[in-house]
Amino acid sequence: MRVLLAEDHAKLAMTVATGLRQAGMAVDVVFDGHDALDHVATTPYDVVVLDRDLPGVHGDDVCRAVVAGGAHSRVLMLTAAGAVADRVEGLGLGADDYLPKPFEFSELIARIRALVRRPGAALPPTLVRGDLALDSSERVATRAGARLSLNPKEFAVLELLLGAQGAVVSSEELLDRVWDEAADPFSQAVKTTISRLRAKLGEPPIIETVAKSGYRIGG
């Protein structure tokens, strides 16, 4: 999944971003509300992790803009204020979830993954196609019952292809959803990852290349 982290405390932001990337997420980081709005306007994020007290444009206004814009992005709001009234107010702005600081990192990851699994979001918790299965919560993929050894990018690409339920996913969408904004759009990252995935998935081949369109899971 692709996540936008909007947090003005630079050290906290980079620590959280590193942890989310280690959990297999593609993460872009911004430090104020103006940049958050710019990123949301141009990139289809699965989840926006939003500090409520952002400078520039307040987090409340960023949340309103995300909701009003009709984007599919889920909003997880962070704040140092932990009172029930603050949580109620944040949810009332249209946020999908609310997490007071300080928080346990494992809980943040669990909440982000839960948001993506909500109705209307891209993926259910378990994806199955033929003898291939992927559990997004446990971060486990198997084929014919054998566990696959996948790195985070390979897992994320497979997750996106399985979530498409046989539909074609373009190279551009894979790059946009699995890699962050630092990725070179002219690189061979997608092609290389698909090649490694095919080797690890074994026979019979299950990832199909659709000429001039992209890739899909067959079977």
C-alpha atoms as a PDB file:
ATOM      1  CA  MET A   1       0.000   0.000   0.000  1.00  0.00           C
ATOM      2  CA  ARG A   2       1.055   3.623  -0.438  1.00  0.00           C
ATOM      3  CA  VAL A   3       0.948   5.959   2.548  1.00  0.00           C
ATOM      4  CA  LEU A   4       1.333   9.705   2.957  1.00  0.00           C
ATOM      5  CA  LEU A   5       2.740  10.662   6.365  1.00  0.00           C
ATOM      6  CA  ALA A   6       2.099  14.316   7.253  1.00  0.00           C
ATOM      7  CA  GLU A   7       3.943  15.112  10.484  1.00  0.00           C
ATOM      8  CA  ASP A   8       5.795  18.332  11.330  1.00  0.00           C
ATOM      9  CA  HIS A   9       8.110  16.750  13.905  1.00  0.00           C
ATOM     10  CA  ALA A  10      10.905  15.729  11.545  1.00  0.00           C
ATOM     11  CA  LYS A  11      12.600  13.148  13.785  1.00  0.00           C
ATOM     12  CA  LEU A  12       9.309  11.421  14.597  1.00  0.00           C
ATOM     13  CA  ALA A  13       8.245  11.532  10.948  1.00  0.00           C
ATOM     14  CA  MET A  14      11.412   9.869   9.694  1.00  0.00           C
ATOM     15  CA  THR A  15      11.328   7.244  12.459  1.00  0.00           C
ATOM     16  CA  VAL A  16       7.715   6.359  11.659  1.00  0.00           C
ATOM     17  CA  ALA A  17       8.372   6.371   7.905  1.00  0.00           C
ATOM     18  CA  THR A  18      11.307   3.968   8.333  1.00  0.00           C
ATOM     19  CA  GLY A  19       9.169   1.592  10.364  1.00  0.00           C
ATOM     20  CA  LEU A  20       6.306   1.679   7.852  1.00  0.00           C
ATOM     21  CA  ARG A  21       8.706   0.958   5.003  1.00  0.00           C
ATOM     22  CA  GLN A  22      10.116  -1.986   6.927  1.00  0.00           C
ATOM     23  CA  ALA A  23       6.514  -3.210   7.210  1.00  0.00           C
ATOM     24  CA  GLY A  24       6.294  -3.227   3.410  1.00  0.00           C
ATOM     25  CA  MET A  25       4.593   0.115   2.767  1.00  0.00           C
ATOM     26  CA  ALA A  26       5.613   2.802   0.291  1.00  0.00           C
ATOM     27  CA  VAL A  27       5.766   6.063   2.251  1.00  0.00           C
ATOM     28  CA  ASP A  28       5.991   9.713   1.225  1.00  0.00           C
ATOM     29  CA  VAL A  29       6.684  12.239   4.003  1.00  0.00           C
ATOM     30  CA  VAL A  30       5.617  15.885   4.237  1.00  0.00           C
ATOM     31  CA  PHE A  31       6.039  18.338   7.111  1.00  0.00           C
ATOM     32  CA  ASP A  32       3.229  20.865   6.590  1.00  0.00           C
ATOM     33  CA  GLY A  33      -0.344  21.113   5.400  1.00  0.00           C
ATOM     34  CA  HIS A  34       0.445  22.809   2.091  1.00  0.00           C
ATOM     35  CA  ASP A  35       2.669  19.934   0.984  1.00  0.00           C
ATOM     36  CA  ALA A  36       0.111  17.420   2.231  1.00  0.00           C
ATOM     37  CA  LEU A  37      -2.591  18.954   0.023  1.00  0.00           C
ATOM     38  CA  ASP A  38      -0.236  19.055  -2.973  1.00  0.00           C
ATOM     39  CA  HIS A  39       0.618  15.384  -2.585  1.00  0.00           C
ATOM     40  CA  VAL A  40      -2.976  14.250  -2.097  1.00  0.00           C
ATOM     41  CA  ALA A  41      -3.996  16.170  -5.209  1.00  0.00           C
ATOM     42  CA  THR A  42      -1.517  14.293  -7.399  1.00  0.00           C
ATOM     43  CA  THR A  43      -1.077  10.825  -5.854  1.00  0.00           C
ATOM     44  CA  PRO A  44      -3.673   8.106  -5.052  1.00  0.00           C
ATOM     45  CA  TYR A  45      -2.713   7.225  -1.471  1.00  0.00           C
ATOM     46  CA  ASP A  46      -4.335   4.289   0.288  1.00  0.00           C
ATOM     47  CA  VAL A  47      -3.943   5.946   3.706  1.00  0.00           C
ATOM     48  CA  VAL A  48      -3.051   9.465   4.815  1.00  0.00           C
ATOM     49  CA  VAL A  49      -1.517   9.487   8.314  1.00  0.00           C
ATOM     50  CA  LEU A  50      -2.215  13.051   9.339  1.00  0.00           C
ATOM     51  CA  ASP A  51      -0.898  15.021  12.310  1.00  0.00           C
ATOM     52  CA  ARG A  52      -3.781  17.215  13.380  1.00  0.00           C
ATOM     53  CA  ASP A  53      -1.562  20.152  14.367  1.00  0.00           C
ATOM     54  CA  LEU A  54       0.237  20.696  11.070  1.00  0.00           C
ATOM     55  CA  PRO A  55       1.674  24.137  10.274  1.00  0.00           C
ATOM     56  CA  GLY A  56       0.761  26.012   7.098  1.00  0.00           C
ATOM     57  CA  VAL A  57      -2.632  24.414   6.570  1.00  0.00           C
ATOM     58  CA  HIS A  58      -4.081  22.909   9.744  1.00  0.00           C
ATOM     59  CA  GLY A  59      -4.583  19.157   9.793  1.00  0.00           C
ATOM     60  CA  ASP A  60      -8.334  19.642  10.221  1.00  0.00           C
ATOM     61  CA  ASP A  61      -8.470  21.537   6.919  1.00  0.00           C
ATOM     62  CA  VAL A  62      -6.321  18.932   5.186  1.00  0.00           C
ATOM     63  CA  CYS A  63      -8.712  16.229   6.400  1.00  0.00           C
ATOM     64  CA  ARG A  64     -11.731  18.176   5.144  1.00  0.00           C
ATOM     65  CA  ALA A  65     -10.071  18.620   1.754  1.00  0.00           C
ATOM     66  CA  VAL A  66      -9.247  14.923   1.419  1.00  0.00           C
ATOM     67  CA  VAL A  67     -12.824  13.945   2.252  1.00  0.00           C
ATOM     68  CA  ALA A  68     -14.396  16.640   0.070  1.00  0.00           C
ATOM     69  CA  GLY A  69     -12.163  15.732  -2.861  1.00  0.00           C
ATOM     70  CA  GLY A  70     -13.739  12.291  -3.092  1.00  0.00           C
ATOM     71  CA  ALA A  71     -10.386  10.499  -3.035  1.00  0.00           C
ATOM     72  CA  HIS A  72     -10.363   6.855  -1.990  1.00  0.00           C
ATOM     73  CA  SER A  73      -7.698   7.653   0.623  1.00  0.00           C
ATOM     74  CA  ARG A  74      -8.435   6.691   4.222  1.00  0.00           C
ATOM     75  CA  VAL A  75      -7.424   9.243   6.856  1.00  0.00           C
ATOM     76  CA  LEU A  76      -5.781   8.253  10.141  1.00  0.00           C
ATOM     77  CA  MET A  77      -5.440  11.332  12.305  1.00  0.00           C
ATOM     78  CA  LEU A  78      -2.692  11.690  14.917  1.00  0.00           C
ATOM     79  CA  THR A  79      -2.715  14.164  17.782  1.00  0.00           C
ATOM     80  CA  ALA A  80      -1.117  14.827  21.139  1.00  0.00           C
ATOM     81  CA  ALA A  81      -4.606  15.466  22.536  1.00  0.00           C
ATOM     82  CA  GLY A  82      -6.016  12.208  23.828  1.00  0.00           C
ATOM     83  CA  ALA A  83      -9.317  13.340  25.334  1.00  0.00           C
ATOM     84  CA  VAL A  84     -12.496  11.666  24.094  1.00  0.00           C
ATOM     85  CA  ALA A  85     -13.868  15.028  22.937  1.00  0.00           C
ATOM     86  CA  ASP A  86     -10.816  15.540  20.716  1.00  0.00           C
ATOM     87  CA  ARG A  87     -11.202  12.097  19.161  1.00  0.00           C
ATOM     88  CA  VAL A  88     -14.887  12.695  18.534  1.00  0.00           C
ATOM     89  CA  GLU A  89     -14.124  16.046  16.926  1.00  0.00           C
ATOM     90  CA  GLY A  90     -11.442  14.521  14.696  1.00  0.00           C
ATOM     91  CA  LEU A  91     -13.744  11.745  13.519  1.00  0.00           C
ATOM     92  CA  GLY A  92     -16.424  14.331  12.913  1.00  0.00           C
ATOM     93  CA  LEU A  93     -14.152  15.989  10.364  1.00  0.00           C
ATOM     94  CA  GLY A  94     -14.323  12.846   8.261  1.00  0.00           C
ATOM     95  CA  ALA A  95     -11.246  11.016   9.515  1.00  0.00           C
ATOM     96  CA  ASP A  96     -11.573   7.232   9.365  1.00  0.00           C
ATOM     97  CA  ASP A  97      -9.571   6.626  12.535  1.00  0.00           C
ATOM     98  CA  TYR A  98      -7.870   8.562  15.293  1.00  0.00           C
ATOM     99  CA  LEU A  99      -4.725   7.695  17.264  1.00  0.00           C
ATOM    100  CA  PRO A 100      -3.457   9.806  20.181  1.00  0.00           C
ATOM    101  CA  LYS A 101       0.255  10.329  20.783  1.00  0.00           C
ATOM    102  CA  PRO A 102       2.289   8.671  22.133  1.00  0.00           C
ATOM    103  CA  PHE A 103       1.296   5.432  20.420  1.00  0.00           C
ATOM    104  CA  GLU A 104       2.698   1.944  20.058  1.00  0.00           C
ATOM    105  CA  PHE A 105       4.145   1.490  16.601  1.00  0.00           C
ATOM    106  CA  SER A 106       2.569  -1.954  16.244  1.00  0.00           C
ATOM    107  CA  GLU A 107      -0.843  -0.384  16.814  1.00  0.00           C
ATOM    108  CA  LEU A 108      -0.229   2.234  14.117  1.00  0.00           C
ATOM    109  CA  ILE A 109       0.627  -0.481  11.596  1.00  0.00           C
ATOM    110  CA  ALA A 110      -2.407  -2.547  12.597  1.00  0.00           C
ATOM    111  CA  ARG A 111      -4.728   0.445  12.250  1.00  0.00           C
ATOM    112  CA  ILE A 112      -3.346   1.369   8.820  1.00  0.00           C
ATOM    113  CA  ARG A 113      -3.837  -2.179   7.564  1.00  0.00           C
ATOM    114  CA  ALA A 114      -7.331  -2.307   9.045  1.00  0.00           C
ATOM    115  CA  LEU A 115      -8.276   0.889   7.226  1.00  0.00           C
ATOM    116  CA  VAL A 116      -7.227  -0.584   3.888  1.00  0.00           C
ATOM    117  CA  ARG A 117      -9.416  -3.633   4.542  1.00  0.00           C
ATOM    118  CA  ARG A 118     -12.575  -1.612   5.202  1.00  0.00           C
ATOM    119  CA  PRO A 119     -15.484  -1.917   2.750  1.00  0.00           C
ATOM    120  CA  GLY A 120     -14.808   0.149  -0.323  1.00  0.00           C
ATOM    121  CA  ALA A 121     -11.053  -0.068   0.093  1.00  0.00           C
ATOM    122  CA  ALA A 122      -8.830  -1.946  -2.290  1.00  0.00           C
ATOM    123  CA  LEU A 123      -8.108  -5.248  -0.545  1.00  0.00           C
ATOM    124  CA  PRO A 124      -9.700  -7.859   1.753  1.00  0.00           C
ATOM    125  CA  PRO A 125      -7.416  -9.444   4.394  1.00  0.00           C
ATOM    126  CA  THR A 126      -6.811 -12.669   2.447  1.00  0.00           C
ATOM    127  CA  LEU A 127      -6.384 -12.896  -1.319  1.00  0.00           C
ATOM    128  CA  VAL A 128      -6.627 -16.214  -3.162  1.00  0.00           C
ATOM    129  CA  ARG A 129      -6.190 -17.128  -6.814  1.00  0.00           C
ATOM    130  CA  GLY A 130      -5.947 -20.814  -7.625  1.00  0.00           C
ATOM    131  CA  ASP A 131      -3.251 -22.329  -5.415  1.00  0.00           C
ATOM    132  CA  LEU A 132      -1.789 -18.904  -4.613  1.00  0.00           C
ATOM    133  CA  ALA A 133      -2.778 -17.243  -1.321  1.00  0.00           C
ATOM    134  CA  LEU A 134      -1.684 -14.031   0.356  1.00  0.00           C
ATOM    135  CA  ASP A 135      -2.481 -12.954   3.903  1.00  0.00           C
ATOM    136  CA  SER A 136      -1.944  -9.187   4.115  1.00  0.00           C
ATOM    137  CA  SER A 137      -2.257  -9.103   7.907  1.00  0.00           C
ATOM    138  CA  GLU A 138       0.352 -11.776   8.602  1.00  0.00           C
ATOM    139  CA  ARG A 139       2.459 -10.752   5.577  1.00  0.00           C
ATOM    140  CA  VAL A 140       2.563 -14.340   4.350  1.00  0.00           C
ATOM    141  CA  ALA A 141       2.196 -15.609   0.784  1.00  0.00           C
ATOM    142  CA  THR A 142       1.995 -19.287  -0.177  1.00  0.00           C
ATOM    143  CA  ARG A 143       1.668 -21.328  -3.333  1.00  0.00           C
ATOM    144  CA  ALA A 144       0.409 -24.888  -3.180  1.00  0.00           C
ATOM    145  CA  GLY A 145       0.840 -24.613   0.589  1.00  0.00           C
ATOM    146  CA  ALA A 146       4.531 -23.707   0.410  1.00  0.00           C
ATOM    147  CA  ARG A 147       5.540 -20.377   1.922  1.00  0.00           C
ATOM    148  CA  LEU A 148       7.141 -17.909  -0.494  1.00  0.00           C
ATOM    149  CA  SER A 149      10.191 -15.901   0.512  1.00  0.00           C
ATOM    150  CA  LEU A 150       9.328 -12.420  -0.796  1.00  0.00           C
ATOM    151  CA  ASN A 151      10.962  -9.080  -0.101  1.00  0.00           C
ATOM    152  CA  PRO A 152       8.653  -6.118   0.704  1.00  0.00           C
ATOM    153  CA  LYS A 153       8.405  -4.866  -2.903  1.00  0.00           C
ATOM    154  CA  GLU A 154       7.712  -8.328  -4.284  1.00  0.00           C
ATOM    155  CA  PHE A 155       5.026  -8.875  -1.659  1.00  0.00           C
ATOM    156  CA  ALA A 156       3.428  -5.497  -2.397  1.00  0.00           C
ATOM    157  CA  VAL A 157       3.374  -6.094  -6.164  1.00  0.00           C
ATOM    158  CA  LEU A 158       1.835  -9.533  -5.678  1.00  0.00           C
ATOM    159  CA  GLU A 159      -0.728  -8.066  -3.271  1.00  0.00           C
ATOM    160  CA  LEU A 160      -1.753  -5.427  -5.806  1.00  0.00           C
ATOM    161  CA  LEU A 161      -2.002  -7.932  -8.665  1.00  0.00           C
ATOM    162  CA  LEU A 162      -4.089 -10.340  -6.593  1.00  0.00           C
ATOM    163  CA  GLY A 163      -6.291  -7.491  -5.388  1.00  0.00           C
ATOM    164  CA  ALA A 164      -7.122  -6.638  -8.994  1.00  0.00           C
ATOM    165  CA  GLN A 165      -8.902 -10.021  -9.248  1.00  0.00           C
ATOM    166  CA  GLY A 166      -7.703 -10.840 -12.720  1.00  0.00           C
ATOM    167  CA  ALA A 167      -7.828  -7.305 -14.099  1.00  0.00           C
ATOM    168  CA  VAL A 168      -4.769  -5.806 -15.751  1.00  0.00           C
ATOM    169  CA  VAL A 169      -2.571  -3.556 -13.619  1.00  0.00           C
ATOM    170  CA  SER A 170      -0.330  -1.202 -15.557  1.00  0.00           C
ATOM    171  CA  SER A 171       3.362  -0.722 -14.864  1.00  0.00           C
ATOM    172  CA  GLU A 172       2.574   2.912 -14.078  1.00  0.00           C
ATOM    173  CA  GLU A 173       0.064   1.948 -11.388  1.00  0.00           C
ATOM    174  CA  LEU A 174       2.427  -0.586  -9.869  1.00  0.00           C
ATOM    175  CA  LEU A 175       5.170   2.033  -9.693  1.00  0.00           C
ATOM    176  CA  ASP A 176       2.747   4.594  -8.268  1.00  0.00           C
ATOM    177  CA  ARG A 177       1.300   2.314  -5.594  1.00  0.00           C
ATOM    178  CA  VAL A 178       4.317   0.248  -4.516  1.00  0.00           C
ATOM    179  CA  TRP A 179       7.214   2.691  -4.771  1.00  0.00           C
ATOM    180  CA  ASP A 180       7.457   6.150  -3.199  1.00  0.00           C
ATOM    181  CA  GLU A 181       8.026   9.494  -4.896  1.00  0.00           C
ATOM    182  CA  ALA A 182      11.793   8.983  -4.913  1.00  0.00           C
ATOM    183  CA  ALA A 183      11.435   6.175  -7.465  1.00  0.00           C
ATOM    184  CA  ASP A 184      12.708   6.893 -10.966  1.00  0.00           C
ATOM    185  CA  PRO A 185       9.719   6.545 -13.345  1.00  0.00           C
ATOM    186  CA  PHE A 186      12.106   5.484 -16.113  1.00  0.00           C
ATOM    187  CA  SER A 187      13.746   2.739 -14.088  1.00  0.00           C
ATOM    188  CA  GLN A 188      13.310  -0.996 -14.634  1.00  0.00           C
ATOM    189  CA  ALA A 189      12.108  -1.481 -11.041  1.00  0.00           C
ATOM    190  CA  VAL A 190       8.698  -2.909 -11.956  1.00  0.00           C
ATOM    191  CA  LYS A 191      10.015  -5.192 -14.687  1.00  0.00           C
ATOM    192  CA  THR A 192      12.815  -6.471 -12.448  1.00  0.00           C
ATOM    193  CA  THR A 193      10.458  -7.124  -9.529  1.00  0.00           C
ATOM    194  CA  ILE A 194       7.978  -8.957 -11.765  1.00  0.00           C
ATOM    195  CA  SER A 195      10.814 -11.118 -13.097  1.00  0.00           C
ATOM    196  CA  ARG A 196      11.932 -12.055  -9.570  1.00  0.00           C
ATOM    197  CA  LEU A 197       8.334 -12.762  -8.554  1.00  0.00           C
ATOM    198  CA  ARG A 198       7.819 -15.110 -11.493  1.00  0.00           C
ATOM    199  CA  ALA A 199      10.925 -17.037 -10.536  1.00  0.00           C
ATOM    200  CA  LYS A 200       9.807 -17.378  -6.922  1.00  0.00           C
ATOM    201  CA  LEU A 201       6.229 -18.340  -7.833  1.00  0.00           C
ATOM    202  CA  GLY A 202       7.473 -21.226  -9.937  1.00  0.00           C
ATOM    203  CA  GLU A 203       5.480 -23.356 -12.383  1.00  0.00           C
ATOM    204  CA  PRO A 204       3.000 -23.156 -13.925  1.00  0.00           C
ATOM    205  CA  PRO A 205       3.424 -19.420 -14.646  1.00  0.00           C
ATOM    206  CA  ILE A 206       0.687 -17.309 -13.051  1.00  0.00           C
ATOM    207  CA  ILE A 207       1.694 -13.691 -13.788  1.00  0.00           C
ATOM    208  CA  GLU A 208       0.734 -12.791 -17.341  1.00  0.00           C
ATOM    209  CA  THR A 209       2.093  -9.898 -19.386  1.00  0.00           C
ATOM    210  CA  VAL A 210      -0.571  -8.084 -21.396  1.00  0.00           C
ATOM    211  CA  ALA A 211       1.080  -6.300 -24.307  1.00  0.00           C
ATOM    212  CA  LYS A 212       1.091  -2.500 -23.981  1.00  0.00           C
ATOM    213  CA  SER A 213      -1.194  -2.742 -20.929  1.00  0.00           C
ATOM    214  CA  GLY A 214       0.556  -4.274 -17.931  1.00  0.00           C
ATOM    215  CA  TYR A 215       0.301  -7.436 -15.856  1.00  0.00           C
ATOM    216  CA  ARG A 216      -2.376  -9.642 -14.366  1.00  0.00           C
ATOM    217  CA  ILE A 217      -2.763 -12.820 -12.356  1.00  0.00           C
ATOM    218  CA  GLY A 218      -4.067 -15.637 -14.519  1.00  0.00           C
ATOM    219  CA  GLY A 219      -5.671 -18.890 -13.497  1.00  0.00           C
END
